[in-house]
Amino acid sequence: MRVLVVEDNFFVCMQLQAILEQEGCEVVGPFATAREALQRLACEAVDAALLDFTLREGDSTAIAEELARRDCPIIFVTGHQAEAVLPSLDTEVWTLGKPLDEQRLRTLVSALSAAKAR
């Protein structure tokens, strides 16, 4: 499963990448800005995405909207109250708080992998 990672915190990014790779995923990125991620999405397909909502140069709303158009599942990784800040999207959306709950991330990735295999 190819998973887009957009996270501007180096340590969280490395943690996400390590977990995804341990779960057998191919990481696309990681990217620290929405601009970089959107440029890659213009020429590549992904099966799911892990998005930090608040990035140094804005937020990940534009990425999420593009992924929703593709019906791609999204896991937002955010330190904010998710319902208050996240955009309303017509696709599967989950949230993970910070600090990261590794077991919950592994559970979500396993569920997404199983759904893709069907």
PDB file of N, CA and C in Angstrom:
ATOM      1  N   MET A   1       0.845  -1.169   0.000  1.00  0.00           N
ATOM      2  CA  MET A   1       0.000   0.000   0.000  1.00  0.00           C
ATOM      3  C   MET A   1       0.895   1.238   0.000  1.00  0.00           C
ATOM      4  N   ARG A   2       0.596   2.166  -0.902  1.00  0.00           N
ATOM      5  CA  ARG A   2       1.355   3.417  -1.017  1.00  0.00           C
ATOM      6  C   ARG A   2       0.668   4.487  -0.182  1.00  0.00           C
ATOM      7  N   VAL A   3       1.423   5.049   0.787  1.00  0.00           N
ATOM      8  CA  VAL A   3       0.847   6.018   1.722  1.00  0.00           C
ATOM      9  C   VAL A   3       1.606   7.340   1.628  1.00  0.00           C
ATOM     10  N   LEU A   4       0.870   8.393   1.312  1.00  0.00           N
ATOM     11  CA  LEU A   4       1.421   9.741   1.292  1.00  0.00           C
ATOM     12  C   LEU A   4       1.586  10.219   2.728  1.00  0.00           C
ATOM     13  N   VAL A   5       2.746  10.787   3.043  1.00  0.00           N
ATOM     14  CA  VAL A   5       2.987  11.347   4.374  1.00  0.00           C
ATOM     15  C   VAL A   5       3.325  12.826   4.224  1.00  0.00           C
ATOM     16  N   VAL A   6       2.524  13.667   4.907  1.00  0.00           N
ATOM     17  CA  VAL A   6       2.775  15.105   4.929  1.00  0.00           C
ATOM     18  C   VAL A   6       2.833  15.515   6.399  1.00  0.00           C
ATOM     19  N   GLU A   7       4.024  15.872   6.848  1.00  0.00           N
ATOM     20  CA  GLU A   7       4.276  16.207   8.255  1.00  0.00           C
ATOM     21  C   GLU A   7       5.487  17.120   8.309  1.00  0.00           C
ATOM     22  N   ASP A   8       5.367  18.248   9.012  1.00  0.00           N
ATOM     23  CA  ASP A   8       6.486  19.193   9.051  1.00  0.00           C
ATOM     24  C   ASP A   8       7.356  19.070  10.300  1.00  0.00           C
ATOM     25  N   ASN A   9       7.018  18.172  11.205  1.00  0.00           N
ATOM     26  CA  ASN A   9       7.858  17.926  12.375  1.00  0.00           C
ATOM     27  C   ASN A   9       8.758  16.731  12.066  1.00  0.00           C
ATOM     28  N   PHE A  10      10.063  16.950  12.053  1.00  0.00           N
ATOM     29  CA  PHE A  10      11.008  15.915  11.654  1.00  0.00           C
ATOM     30  C   PHE A  10      10.857  14.643  12.476  1.00  0.00           C
ATOM     31  N   PHE A  11      10.736  14.760  13.777  1.00  0.00           N
ATOM     32  CA  PHE A  11      10.688  13.580  14.636  1.00  0.00           C
ATOM     33  C   PHE A  11       9.393  12.789  14.453  1.00  0.00           C
ATOM     34  N   VAL A  12       8.274  13.486  14.333  1.00  0.00           N
ATOM     35  CA  VAL A  12       7.003  12.807  14.075  1.00  0.00           C
ATOM     36  C   VAL A  12       7.057  12.145  12.704  1.00  0.00           C
ATOM     37  N   CYS A  13       7.631  12.839  11.752  1.00  0.00           N
ATOM     38  CA  CYS A  13       7.755  12.315  10.394  1.00  0.00           C
ATOM     39  C   CYS A  13       8.548  11.006  10.382  1.00  0.00           C
ATOM     40  N   MET A  14       9.667  10.979  11.065  1.00  0.00           N
ATOM     41  CA  MET A  14      10.491   9.767  11.111  1.00  0.00           C
ATOM     42  C   MET A  14       9.740   8.624  11.799  1.00  0.00           C
ATOM     43  N   GLN A  15       8.984   8.949  12.844  1.00  0.00           N
ATOM     44  CA  GLN A  15       8.192   7.944  13.551  1.00  0.00           C
ATOM     45  C   GLN A  15       7.114   7.369  12.632  1.00  0.00           C
ATOM     46  N   LEU A  16       6.400   8.229  11.924  1.00  0.00           N
ATOM     47  CA  LEU A  16       5.366   7.774  10.994  1.00  0.00           C
ATOM     48  C   LEU A  16       5.959   6.894   9.904  1.00  0.00           C
ATOM     49  N   GLN A  17       7.052   7.344   9.327  1.00  0.00           N
ATOM     50  CA  GLN A  17       7.689   6.587   8.248  1.00  0.00           C
ATOM     51  C   GLN A  17       8.125   5.213   8.737  1.00  0.00           C
ATOM     52  N   ALA A  18       8.728   5.144   9.912  1.00  0.00           N
ATOM     53  CA  ALA A  18       9.191   3.859  10.452  1.00  0.00           C
ATOM     54  C   ALA A  18       8.028   2.900  10.686  1.00  0.00           C
ATOM     55  N   ILE A  19       6.947   3.393  11.245  1.00  0.00           N
ATOM     56  CA  ILE A  19       5.784   2.542  11.510  1.00  0.00           C
ATOM     57  C   ILE A  19       5.181   2.042  10.206  1.00  0.00           C
ATOM     58  N   LEU A  20       5.011   2.941   9.246  1.00  0.00           N
ATOM     59  CA  LEU A  20       4.431   2.541   7.967  1.00  0.00           C
ATOM     60  C   LEU A  20       5.285   1.488   7.272  1.00  0.00           C
ATOM     61  N   GLU A  21       6.580   1.689   7.272  1.00  0.00           N
ATOM     62  CA  GLU A  21       7.458   0.713   6.629  1.00  0.00           C
ATOM     63  C   GLU A  21       7.429  -0.629   7.355  1.00  0.00           C
ATOM     64  N   GLN A  22       7.344  -0.607   8.697  1.00  0.00           N
ATOM     65  CA  GLN A  22       7.221  -1.851   9.458  1.00  0.00           C
ATOM     66  C   GLN A  22       5.925  -2.588   9.110  1.00  0.00           C
ATOM     67  N   GLU A  23       4.899  -1.833   8.738  1.00  0.00           N
ATOM     68  CA  GLU A  23       3.607  -2.418   8.382  1.00  0.00           C
ATOM     69  C   GLU A  23       3.552  -2.805   6.901  1.00  0.00           C
ATOM     70  N   GLY A  24       4.677  -2.681   6.208  1.00  0.00           N
ATOM     71  CA  GLY A  24       4.749  -3.110   4.811  1.00  0.00           C
ATOM     72  C   GLY A  24       4.292  -2.081   3.796  1.00  0.00           C
ATOM     73  N   CYS A  25       4.158  -0.840   4.208  1.00  0.00           N
ATOM     74  CA  CYS A  25       3.713   0.215   3.296  1.00  0.00           C
ATOM     75  C   CYS A  25       4.904   0.852   2.587  1.00  0.00           C
ATOM     76  N   GLU A  26       4.622   1.381   1.404  1.00  0.00           N
ATOM     77  CA  GLU A  26       5.591   2.202   0.688  1.00  0.00           C
ATOM     78  C   GLU A  26       5.243   3.658   0.986  1.00  0.00           C
ATOM     79  N   VAL A  27       6.178   4.395   1.547  1.00  0.00           N
ATOM     80  CA  VAL A  27       5.938   5.789   1.907  1.00  0.00           C
ATOM     81  C   VAL A  27       6.211   6.679   0.698  1.00  0.00           C
ATOM     82  N   VAL A  28       5.230   7.507   0.375  1.00  0.00           N
ATOM     83  CA  VAL A  28       5.382   8.518  -0.668  1.00  0.00           C
ATOM     84  C   VAL A  28       5.663   9.817   0.066  1.00  0.00           C
ATOM     85  N   GLY A  29       6.843  10.341  -0.110  1.00  0.00           N
ATOM     86  CA  GLY A  29       7.286  11.487   0.649  1.00  0.00           C
ATOM     87  C   GLY A  29       8.366  11.035   1.623  1.00  0.00           C
ATOM     88  N   PRO A  30       8.414  11.582   2.742  1.00  0.00           N
ATOM     89  CA  PRO A  30       7.490  12.549   3.350  1.00  0.00           C
ATOM     90  C   PRO A  30       7.714  13.967   2.807  1.00  0.00           C
ATOM     91  N   PHE A  31       6.663  14.765   2.955  1.00  0.00           N
ATOM     92  CA  PHE A  31       6.693  16.154   2.517  1.00  0.00           C
ATOM     93  C   PHE A  31       6.373  17.054   3.703  1.00  0.00           C
ATOM     94  N   ALA A  32       6.987  18.228   3.722  1.00  0.00           N
ATOM     95  CA  ALA A  32       6.769  19.170   4.811  1.00  0.00           C
ATOM     96  C   ALA A  32       5.794  20.287   4.433  1.00  0.00           C
ATOM     97  N   THR A  33       5.479  20.412   3.136  1.00  0.00           N
ATOM     98  CA  THR A  33       4.567  21.472   2.697  1.00  0.00           C
ATOM     99  C   THR A  33       3.479  20.905   1.791  1.00  0.00           C
ATOM    100  N   ALA A  34       2.371  21.614   1.751  1.00  0.00           N
ATOM    101  CA  ALA A  34       1.270  21.220   0.878  1.00  0.00           C
ATOM    102  C   ALA A  34       1.691  21.329  -0.584  1.00  0.00           C
ATOM    103  N   ARG A  35       2.452  22.346  -0.909  1.00  0.00           N
ATOM    104  CA  ARG A  35       2.896  22.548  -2.294  1.00  0.00           C
ATOM    105  C   ARG A  35       3.670  21.338  -2.803  1.00  0.00           C
ATOM    106  N   GLU A  36       4.625  20.860  -2.003  1.00  0.00           N
ATOM    107  CA  GLU A  36       5.418  19.693  -2.407  1.00  0.00           C
ATOM    108  C   GLU A  36       4.535  18.457  -2.590  1.00  0.00           C
ATOM    109  N   ALA A  37       3.628  18.247  -1.664  1.00  0.00           N
ATOM    110  CA  ALA A  37       2.754  17.076  -1.737  1.00  0.00           C
ATOM    111  C   ALA A  37       1.842  17.133  -2.952  1.00  0.00           C
ATOM    112  N   LEU A  38       1.279  18.298  -3.235  1.00  0.00           N
ATOM    113  CA  LEU A  38       0.390  18.435  -4.391  1.00  0.00           C
ATOM    114  C   LEU A  38       1.143  18.235  -5.702  1.00  0.00           C
ATOM    115  N   GLN A  39       2.388  18.693  -5.745  1.00  0.00           N
ATOM    116  CA  GLN A  39       3.194  18.473  -6.955  1.00  0.00           C
ATOM    117  C   GLN A  39       3.395  16.981  -7.195  1.00  0.00           C
ATOM    118  N   ARG A  40       3.651  16.220  -6.144  1.00  0.00           N
ATOM    119  CA  ARG A  40       3.845  14.775  -6.298  1.00  0.00           C
ATOM    120  C   ARG A  40       2.531  14.103  -6.673  1.00  0.00           C
ATOM    121  N   LEU A  41       1.436  14.539  -6.062  1.00  0.00           N
ATOM    122  CA  LEU A  41       0.135  13.938  -6.366  1.00  0.00           C
ATOM    123  C   LEU A  41      -0.278  14.172  -7.820  1.00  0.00           C
ATOM    124  N   ALA A  42       0.257  15.210  -8.433  1.00  0.00           N
ATOM    125  CA  ALA A  42      -0.073  15.485  -9.832  1.00  0.00           C
ATOM    126  C   ALA A  42       0.408  14.376 -10.755  1.00  0.00           C
ATOM    127  N   CYS A  43       1.412  13.611 -10.317  1.00  0.00           N
ATOM    128  CA  CYS A  43       1.963  12.573 -11.192  1.00  0.00           C
ATOM    129  C   CYS A  43       2.012  11.191 -10.550  1.00  0.00           C
ATOM    130  N   GLU A  44       1.418  11.033  -9.368  1.00  0.00           N
ATOM    131  CA  GLU A  44       1.478   9.744  -8.683  1.00  0.00           C
ATOM    132  C   GLU A  44       0.168   9.426  -7.981  1.00  0.00           C
ATOM    133  N   ALA A  45      -0.128   8.149  -7.914  1.00  0.00           N
ATOM    134  CA  ALA A  45      -1.308   7.690  -7.183  1.00  0.00           C
ATOM    135  C   ALA A  45      -0.879   7.168  -5.815  1.00  0.00           C
ATOM    136  N   VAL A  46      -1.757   7.337  -4.833  1.00  0.00           N
ATOM    137  CA  VAL A  46      -1.528   6.789  -3.502  1.00  0.00           C
ATOM    138  C   VAL A  46      -2.796   6.068  -3.054  1.00  0.00           C
ATOM    139  N   ASP A  47      -2.631   5.144  -2.114  1.00  0.00           N
ATOM    140  CA  ASP A  47      -3.762   4.374  -1.599  1.00  0.00           C
ATOM    141  C   ASP A  47      -4.361   4.964  -0.333  1.00  0.00           C
ATOM    142  N   ALA A  48      -3.578   5.763   0.387  1.00  0.00           N
ATOM    143  CA  ALA A  48      -4.023   6.398   1.628  1.00  0.00           C
ATOM    144  C   ALA A  48      -3.058   7.532   1.932  1.00  0.00           C
ATOM    145  N   ALA A  49      -3.410   8.345   2.944  1.00  0.00           N
ATOM    146  CA  ALA A  49      -2.542   9.463   3.302  1.00  0.00           C
ATOM    147  C   ALA A  49      -2.573   9.718   4.796  1.00  0.00           C
ATOM    148  N   LEU A  50      -1.420  10.103   5.313  1.00  0.00           N
ATOM    149  CA  LEU A  50      -1.280  10.601   6.686  1.00  0.00           C
ATOM    150  C   LEU A  50      -0.933  12.075   6.564  1.00  0.00           C
ATOM    151  N   LEU A  51      -1.825  12.932   7.040  1.00  0.00           N
ATOM    152  CA  LEU A  51      -1.629  14.368   6.883  1.00  0.00           C
ATOM    153  C   LEU A  51      -1.602  15.063   8.234  1.00  0.00           C
ATOM    154  N   ASP A  52      -0.541  15.819   8.489  1.00  0.00           N
ATOM    155  CA  ASP A  52      -0.554  16.762   9.600  1.00  0.00           C
ATOM    156  C   ASP A  52      -1.456  17.889   9.124  1.00  0.00           C
ATOM    157  N   PHE A  53      -2.394  18.322   9.945  1.00  0.00           N
ATOM    158  CA  PHE A  53      -3.299  19.367   9.469  1.00  0.00           C
ATOM    159  C   PHE A  53      -2.600  20.718   9.388  1.00  0.00           C
ATOM    160  N   THR A  54      -1.920  21.123  10.461  1.00  0.00           N
ATOM    161  CA  THR A  54      -1.275  22.427  10.486  1.00  0.00           C
ATOM    162  C   THR A  54       0.182  22.288  10.070  1.00  0.00           C
ATOM    163  N   LEU A  55       0.507  22.921   8.954  1.00  0.00           N
ATOM    164  CA  LEU A  55       1.868  22.904   8.421  1.00  0.00           C
ATOM    165  C   LEU A  55       2.480  24.291   8.561  1.00  0.00           C
ATOM    166  N   ARG A  56       3.787  24.374   8.463  1.00  0.00           N
ATOM    167  CA  ARG A  56       4.470  25.679   8.599  1.00  0.00           C
ATOM    168  C   ARG A  56       3.941  26.705   7.604  1.00  0.00           C
ATOM    169  N   GLU A  57       3.616  26.266   6.412  1.00  0.00           N
ATOM    170  CA  GLU A  57       3.165  27.185   5.353  1.00  0.00           C
ATOM    171  C   GLU A  57       1.661  27.073   5.126  1.00  0.00           C
ATOM    172  N   GLY A  58       0.876  26.954   6.180  1.00  0.00           N
ATOM    173  CA  GLY A  58      -0.572  26.868   6.037  1.00  0.00           C
ATOM    174  C   GLY A  58      -1.095  25.570   6.600  1.00  0.00           C
ATOM    175  N   ASP A  59      -2.033  24.969   5.866  1.00  0.00           N
ATOM    176  CA  ASP A  59      -2.583  23.702   6.334  1.00  0.00           C
ATOM    177  C   ASP A  59      -2.710  22.727   5.166  1.00  0.00           C
ATOM    178  N   SER A  60      -3.233  21.543   5.456  1.00  0.00           N
ATOM    179  CA  SER A  60      -3.291  20.492   4.434  1.00  0.00           C
ATOM    180  C   SER A  60      -4.670  20.351   3.786  1.00  0.00           C
ATOM    181  N   THR A  61      -5.499  21.389   3.879  1.00  0.00           N
ATOM    182  CA  THR A  61      -6.840  21.330   3.298  1.00  0.00           C
ATOM    183  C   THR A  61      -6.805  21.033   1.797  1.00  0.00           C
ATOM    184  N   ALA A  62      -5.949  21.691   1.049  1.00  0.00           N
ATOM    185  CA  ALA A  62      -5.901  21.477  -0.409  1.00  0.00           C
ATOM    186  C   ALA A  62      -5.513  20.035  -0.737  1.00  0.00           C
ATOM    187  N   ILE A  63      -4.600  19.468   0.026  1.00  0.00           N
ATOM    188  CA  ILE A  63      -4.212  18.069  -0.193  1.00  0.00           C
ATOM    189  C   ILE A  63      -5.399  17.167   0.102  1.00  0.00           C
ATOM    190  N   ALA A  64      -6.063  17.409   1.226  1.00  0.00           N
ATOM    191  CA  ALA A  64      -7.209  16.588   1.614  1.00  0.00           C
ATOM    192  C   ALA A  64      -8.316  16.653   0.574  1.00  0.00           C
ATOM    193  N   GLU A  65      -8.568  17.839   0.028  1.00  0.00           N
ATOM    194  CA  GLU A  65      -9.600  17.979  -1.005  1.00  0.00           C
ATOM    195  C   GLU A  65      -9.243  17.189  -2.258  1.00  0.00           C
ATOM    196  N   GLU A  66      -7.975  17.232  -2.656  1.00  0.00           N
ATOM    197  CA  GLU A  66      -7.529  16.462  -3.828  1.00  0.00           C
ATOM    198  C   GLU A  66      -7.672  14.964  -3.565  1.00  0.00           C
ATOM    199  N   LEU A  67      -7.286  14.529  -2.387  1.00  0.00           N
ATOM    200  CA  LEU A  67      -7.417  13.106  -2.050  1.00  0.00           C
ATOM    201  C   LEU A  67      -8.882  12.679  -1.997  1.00  0.00           C
ATOM    202  N   ALA A  68      -9.746  13.544  -1.497  1.00  0.00           N
ATOM    203  CA  ALA A  68     -11.183  13.236  -1.443  1.00  0.00           C
ATOM    204  C   ALA A  68     -11.743  13.076  -2.851  1.00  0.00           C
ATOM    205  N   ARG A  69     -11.293  13.910  -3.797  1.00  0.00           N
ATOM    206  CA  ARG A  69     -11.729  13.765  -5.194  1.00  0.00           C
ATOM    207  C   ARG A  69     -11.349  12.393  -5.739  1.00  0.00           C
ATOM    208  N   ARG A  70     -10.252  11.858  -5.225  1.00  0.00           N
ATOM    209  CA  ARG A  70      -9.773  10.537  -5.657  1.00  0.00           C
ATOM    210  C   ARG A  70     -10.349   9.405  -4.809  1.00  0.00           C
ATOM    211  N   ASP A  71     -11.207   9.752  -3.856  1.00  0.00           N
ATOM    212  CA  ASP A  71     -11.787   8.776  -2.924  1.00  0.00           C
ATOM    213  C   ASP A  71     -10.696   8.015  -2.166  1.00  0.00           C
ATOM    214  N   CYS A  72      -9.696   8.736  -1.732  1.00  0.00           N
ATOM    215  CA  CYS A  72      -8.545   8.170  -1.023  1.00  0.00           C
ATOM    216  C   CYS A  72      -8.717   8.382   0.485  1.00  0.00           C
ATOM    217  N   PRO A  73      -8.599   7.326   1.278  1.00  0.00           N
ATOM    218  CA  PRO A  73      -8.721   7.471   2.734  1.00  0.00           C
ATOM    219  C   PRO A  73      -7.622   8.364   3.310  1.00  0.00           C
ATOM    220  N   ILE A  74      -7.996   9.131   4.338  1.00  0.00           N
ATOM    221  CA  ILE A  74      -7.081  10.086   4.962  1.00  0.00           C
ATOM    222  C   ILE A  74      -7.045   9.855   6.466  1.00  0.00           C
ATOM    223  N   ILE A  75      -5.848   9.862   7.016  1.00  0.00           N
ATOM    224  CA  ILE A  75      -5.665   9.868   8.466  1.00  0.00           C
ATOM    225  C   ILE A  75      -4.998  11.195   8.801  1.00  0.00           C
ATOM    226  N   PHE A  76      -5.737  12.073   9.504  1.00  0.00           N
ATOM    227  CA  PHE A  76      -5.154  13.336   9.943  1.00  0.00           C
ATOM    228  C   PHE A  76      -4.414  13.103  11.245  1.00  0.00           C
ATOM    229  N   VAL A  77      -3.185  13.579  11.310  1.00  0.00           N
ATOM    230  CA  VAL A  77      -2.379  13.517  12.529  1.00  0.00           C
ATOM    231  C   VAL A  77      -2.299  14.951  13.019  1.00  0.00           C
ATOM    232  N   THR A  78      -2.964  15.238  14.147  1.00  0.00           N
ATOM    233  CA  THR A  78      -3.061  16.624  14.570  1.00  0.00           C
ATOM    234  C   THR A  78      -3.090  16.753  16.078  1.00  0.00           C
ATOM    235  N   GLY A  79      -2.566  17.846  16.554  1.00  0.00           N
ATOM    236  CA  GLY A  79      -2.618  18.165  17.970  1.00  0.00           C
ATOM    237  C   GLY A  79      -3.822  19.019  18.307  1.00  0.00           C
ATOM    238  N   HIS A  80      -4.644  19.340  17.318  1.00  0.00           N
ATOM    239  CA  HIS A  80      -5.825  20.190  17.521  1.00  0.00           C
ATOM    240  C   HIS A  80      -7.059  19.343  17.798  1.00  0.00           C
ATOM    241  N   GLN A  81      -8.093  19.977  18.305  1.00  0.00           N
ATOM    242  CA  GLN A  81      -9.393  19.339  18.434  1.00  0.00           C
ATOM    243  C   GLN A  81      -9.891  19.118  17.008  1.00  0.00           C
ATOM    244  N   ALA A  82      -9.861  17.866  16.559  1.00  0.00           N
ATOM    245  CA  ALA A  82     -10.071  17.534  15.150  1.00  0.00           C
ATOM    246  C   ALA A  82     -11.358  18.112  14.573  1.00  0.00           C
ATOM    247  N   GLU A  83     -12.463  17.964  15.271  1.00  0.00           N
ATOM    248  CA  GLU A  83     -13.748  18.398  14.720  1.00  0.00           C
ATOM    249  C   GLU A  83     -13.789  19.906  14.491  1.00  0.00           C
ATOM    250  N   ALA A  84     -12.988  20.646  15.248  1.00  0.00           N
ATOM    251  CA  ALA A  84     -13.005  22.105  15.145  1.00  0.00           C
ATOM    252  C   ALA A  84     -12.215  22.631  13.956  1.00  0.00           C
ATOM    253  N   VAL A  85     -11.219  21.876  13.497  1.00  0.00           N
ATOM    254  CA  VAL A  85     -10.344  22.433  12.465  1.00  0.00           C
ATOM    255  C   VAL A  85     -10.369  21.695  11.138  1.00  0.00           C
ATOM    256  N   LEU A  86     -10.734  20.440  11.136  1.00  0.00           N
ATOM    257  CA  LEU A  86     -10.605  19.659   9.911  1.00  0.00           C
ATOM    258  C   LEU A  86     -11.726  19.964   8.922  1.00  0.00           C
ATOM    259  N   PRO A  87     -11.397  19.946   7.635  1.00  0.00           N
ATOM    260  CA  PRO A  87     -12.418  20.200   6.619  1.00  0.00           C
ATOM    261  C   PRO A  87     -13.407  19.039   6.537  1.00  0.00           C
ATOM    262  N   SER A  88     -14.608  19.340   6.089  1.00  0.00           N
ATOM    263  CA  SER A  88     -15.611  18.297   5.856  1.00  0.00           C
ATOM    264  C   SER A  88     -15.336  17.717   4.471  1.00  0.00           C
ATOM    265  N   LEU A  89     -15.096  16.397   4.428  1.00  0.00           N
ATOM    266  CA  LEU A  89     -14.696  15.763   3.180  1.00  0.00           C
ATOM    267  C   LEU A  89     -15.591  14.581   2.860  1.00  0.00           C
ATOM    268  N   ASP A  90     -15.728  14.307   1.573  1.00  0.00           N
ATOM    269  CA  ASP A  90     -16.521  13.169   1.126  1.00  0.00           C
ATOM    270  C   ASP A  90     -15.602  11.978   0.853  1.00  0.00           C
ATOM    271  N   THR A  91     -14.925  11.515   1.895  1.00  0.00           N
ATOM    272  CA  THR A  91     -14.063  10.347   1.823  1.00  0.00           C
ATOM    273  C   THR A  91     -13.874   9.833   3.246  1.00  0.00           C
ATOM    274  N   GLU A  92     -13.270   8.672   3.393  1.00  0.00           N
ATOM    275  CA  GLU A  92     -13.026   8.135   4.729  1.00  0.00           C
ATOM    276  C   GLU A  92     -11.942   8.956   5.411  1.00  0.00           C
ATOM    277  N   VAL A  93     -12.242   9.415   6.640  1.00  0.00           N
ATOM    278  CA  VAL A  93     -11.304  10.243   7.386  1.00  0.00           C
ATOM    279  C   VAL A  93     -11.221   9.728   8.818  1.00  0.00           C
ATOM    280  N   TRP A  94      -9.988   9.577   9.302  1.00  0.00           N
ATOM    281  CA  TRP A  94      -9.735   9.235  10.697  1.00  0.00           C
ATOM    282  C   TRP A  94      -8.800  10.279  11.262  1.00  0.00           C
ATOM    283  N   THR A  95      -8.720  10.353  12.587  1.00  0.00           N
ATOM    284  CA  THR A  95      -7.772  11.266  13.211  1.00  0.00           C
ATOM    285  C   THR A  95      -6.921  10.521  14.230  1.00  0.00           C
ATOM    286  N   LEU A  96      -5.688  10.954  14.328  1.00  0.00           N
ATOM    287  CA  LEU A  96      -4.748  10.503  15.350  1.00  0.00           C
ATOM    288  C   LEU A  96      -4.247  11.752  16.050  1.00  0.00           C
ATOM    289  N   GLY A  97      -4.274  11.723  17.364  1.00  0.00           N
ATOM    290  CA  GLY A  97      -3.768  12.859  18.112  1.00  0.00           C
ATOM    291  C   GLY A  97      -2.259  12.804  18.256  1.00  0.00           C
ATOM    292  N   LYS A  98      -1.731  13.910  18.678  1.00  0.00           N
ATOM    293  CA  LYS A  98      -0.317  13.984  19.031  1.00  0.00           C
ATOM    294  C   LYS A  98      -0.265  14.190  20.529  1.00  0.00           C
ATOM    295  N   PRO A  99       0.580  13.490  21.264  1.00  0.00           N
ATOM    296  CA  PRO A  99       1.577  12.553  20.772  1.00  0.00           C
ATOM    297  C   PRO A  99       0.923  11.329  20.128  1.00  0.00           C
ATOM    298  N   LEU A 100       1.651  10.737  19.226  1.00  0.00           N
ATOM    299  CA  LEU A 100       1.154   9.665  18.383  1.00  0.00           C
ATOM    300  C   LEU A 100       0.863   8.386  19.159  1.00  0.00           C
ATOM    301  N   ASP A 101      -0.292   7.806  18.904  1.00  0.00           N
ATOM    302  CA  ASP A 101      -0.666   6.499  19.454  1.00  0.00           C
ATOM    303  C   ASP A 101      -0.270   5.455  18.408  1.00  0.00           C
ATOM    304  N   GLU A 102       0.901   4.854  18.596  1.00  0.00           N
ATOM    305  CA  GLU A 102       1.439   3.919  17.602  1.00  0.00           C
ATOM    306  C   GLU A 102       0.510   2.742  17.346  1.00  0.00           C
ATOM    307  N   GLN A 103      -0.087   2.196  18.395  1.00  0.00           N
ATOM    308  CA  GLN A 103      -0.949   1.026  18.206  1.00  0.00           C
ATOM    309  C   GLN A 103      -2.184   1.385  17.385  1.00  0.00           C
ATOM    310  N   ARG A 104      -2.754   2.551  17.633  1.00  0.00           N
ATOM    311  CA  ARG A 104      -3.929   2.972  16.847  1.00  0.00           C
ATOM    312  C   ARG A 104      -3.540   3.166  15.384  1.00  0.00           C
ATOM    313  N   LEU A 105      -2.376   3.739  15.137  1.00  0.00           N
ATOM    314  CA  LEU A 105      -1.919   3.909  13.757  1.00  0.00           C
ATOM    315  C   LEU A 105      -1.753   2.552  13.090  1.00  0.00           C
ATOM    316  N   ARG A 106      -1.140   1.613  13.772  1.00  0.00           N
ATOM    317  CA  ARG A 106      -0.962   0.271  13.205  1.00  0.00           C
ATOM    318  C   ARG A 106      -2.316  -0.380  12.898  1.00  0.00           C
ATOM    319  N   THR A 107      -3.274  -0.199  13.794  1.00  0.00           N
ATOM    320  CA  THR A 107      -4.619  -0.758  13.591  1.00  0.00           C
ATOM    321  C   THR A 107      -5.282  -0.141  12.364  1.00  0.00           C
ATOM    322  N   LEU A 108      -5.193   1.182  12.224  1.00  0.00           N
ATOM    323  CA  LEU A 108      -5.782   1.858  11.063  1.00  0.00           C
ATOM    324  C   LEU A 108      -5.108   1.425   9.769  1.00  0.00           C
ATOM    325  N   VAL A 109      -3.792   1.331   9.768  1.00  0.00           N
ATOM    326  CA  VAL A 109      -3.071   0.918   8.556  1.00  0.00           C
ATOM    327  C   VAL A 109      -3.438  -0.506   8.181  1.00  0.00           C
ATOM    328  N   SER A 110      -3.557  -1.385   9.171  1.00  0.00           N
ATOM    329  CA  SER A 110      -3.957  -2.771   8.896  1.00  0.00           C
ATOM    330  C   SER A 110      -5.350  -2.823   8.289  1.00  0.00           C
ATOM    331  N   ALA A 111      -6.260  -2.025   8.826  1.00  0.00           N
ATOM    332  CA  ALA A 111      -7.631  -1.996   8.308  1.00  0.00           C
ATOM    333  C   ALA A 111      -7.653  -1.473   6.866  1.00  0.00           C
ATOM    334  N   LEU A 112      -6.891  -0.451   6.584  1.00  0.00           N
ATOM    335  CA  LEU A 112      -6.827   0.092   5.225  1.00  0.00           C
ATOM    336  C   LEU A 112      -6.207  -0.904   4.267  1.00  0.00           C
ATOM    337  N   SER A 113      -5.168  -1.583   4.699  1.00  0.00           N
ATOM    338  CA  SER A 113      -4.524  -2.611   3.857  1.00  0.00           C
ATOM    339  C   SER A 113      -5.484  -3.742   3.539  1.00  0.00           C
ATOM    340  N   ALA A 114      -6.222  -4.183   4.558  1.00  0.00           N
ATOM    341  CA  ALA A 114      -7.191  -5.268   4.354  1.00  0.00           C
ATOM    342  C   ALA A 114      -8.293  -4.837   3.397  1.00  0.00           C
ATOM    343  N   ALA A 115      -8.765  -3.597   3.537  1.00  0.00           N
ATOM    344  CA  ALA A 115      -9.819  -3.098   2.649  1.00  0.00           C
ATOM    345  C   ALA A 115      -9.309  -2.991   1.217  1.00  0.00           C
ATOM    346  N   LYS A 116      -8.065  -2.575   1.037  1.00  0.00           N
ATOM    347  CA  LYS A 116      -7.495  -2.471  -0.306  1.00  0.00           C
ATOM    348  C   LYS A 116      -7.346  -3.837  -0.956  1.00  0.00           C
ATOM    349  N   ALA A 117      -7.029  -4.841  -0.143  1.00  0.00           N
ATOM    350  CA  ALA A 117      -6.813  -6.200  -0.673  1.00  0.00           C
ATOM    351  C   ALA A 117      -8.118  -6.844  -1.166  1.00  0.00           C
ATOM    352  N   ARG A 118      -9.247  -6.347  -0.695  1.00  0.00           N
ATOM    353  CA  ARG A 118     -10.532  -6.929  -1.111  1.00  0.00           C
ATOM    354  C   ARG A 118     -10.907  -6.574  -2.501  1.00  0.00           C
TER     355      ARG A 118
END
